[in-house]
Amino acid sequence: MKQVQVRNLLFNDGAPKICIPLTGKTSDAVLNEVKDLDGVDFDLIELRIDHFEDVEQFSRVKELLENIRKIYDKPLLFTFRTKKEGGVKEMSEDKYFDLVGEIIKSGLIDLVDIELFSSQDKLKAAVELAAENQVKVVMSNHDFFNTPAKEELVRRLVMMNENGADIAKIAVMPNSEEDVLALLSATLEIKKSYGFPCITMSMGKLGVVTRLSGELFGSCLTFAAVKNTSAPGQINVKSTREILNLLKMD
């Protein structure tokens, strides 16, 4: 099994890591979300910068990250989720990659989310830039309406790995119990046949089990909420930790 080290965290070494998404619209709101994490049992945060009202002003984004770093020292995943994959803001692909590139070079983040279905030239350049700056790449794909067949899920995850992802991520919407099984089966195939780190989830109520069974099937991270969720089906961080501990396999 391939493992990925990010600060003190080792991904793909057993129980999934717990990531808390920050979705504040203003600097004050985001920083208050960080302060609310005091005493919470979690492993890393995701800054969902597409929620941030000043996201197109890169200097304001950097200033926000600098202020987060003054009060937070665990790993940080930086994500602009595009509108086509469920995000809250439209941004041109050129500007998206300009933002990603600027923040990769800032020295303020540990991991960056880059969407698989982007211009291949821009995707490759961003992955290379991340490697040069010791930033790990979470390459991702999201479908908020359907679940592709198991074979397609596996194909996309393998594509991410082949395109330089340190961690491959896919999130899909189930419309049946069979869709949930397809996602879990694809995850298990990656674990058994390929061994690279991946994050997988079925969203919504039907898919909650996929957020909690990562150790068994092979997903190395799960998202949980303190107050605000960033996707359908996220559950409270305290309950998530309790259930992950209950399901530990060692």
Foldseek 3Di string as FASTA:
>chain_A
DDWDDFPPDIFQPFFAFEEEEQQDQELVSRLVVLVVCVPFDGAEYEYQCLNHVVSLVLVRVLVSLVVSVVPDDGAYEYEDDAVVQPGDDHDDLVSVLVSLLVVLVSLRHAEYEAEPPDPLVSLLVSLVSNVVSNHAYAYEGHAAPDADALVVVLVQQVSCVVSRHQEYEYEYEYPDLVSLVSQLVSLQCCCPPPNGAYAYFHFAPSTLVSQQCCRPRPHRHHYAYCDDDSTHNHYHSVVSVVSNVVPGDD
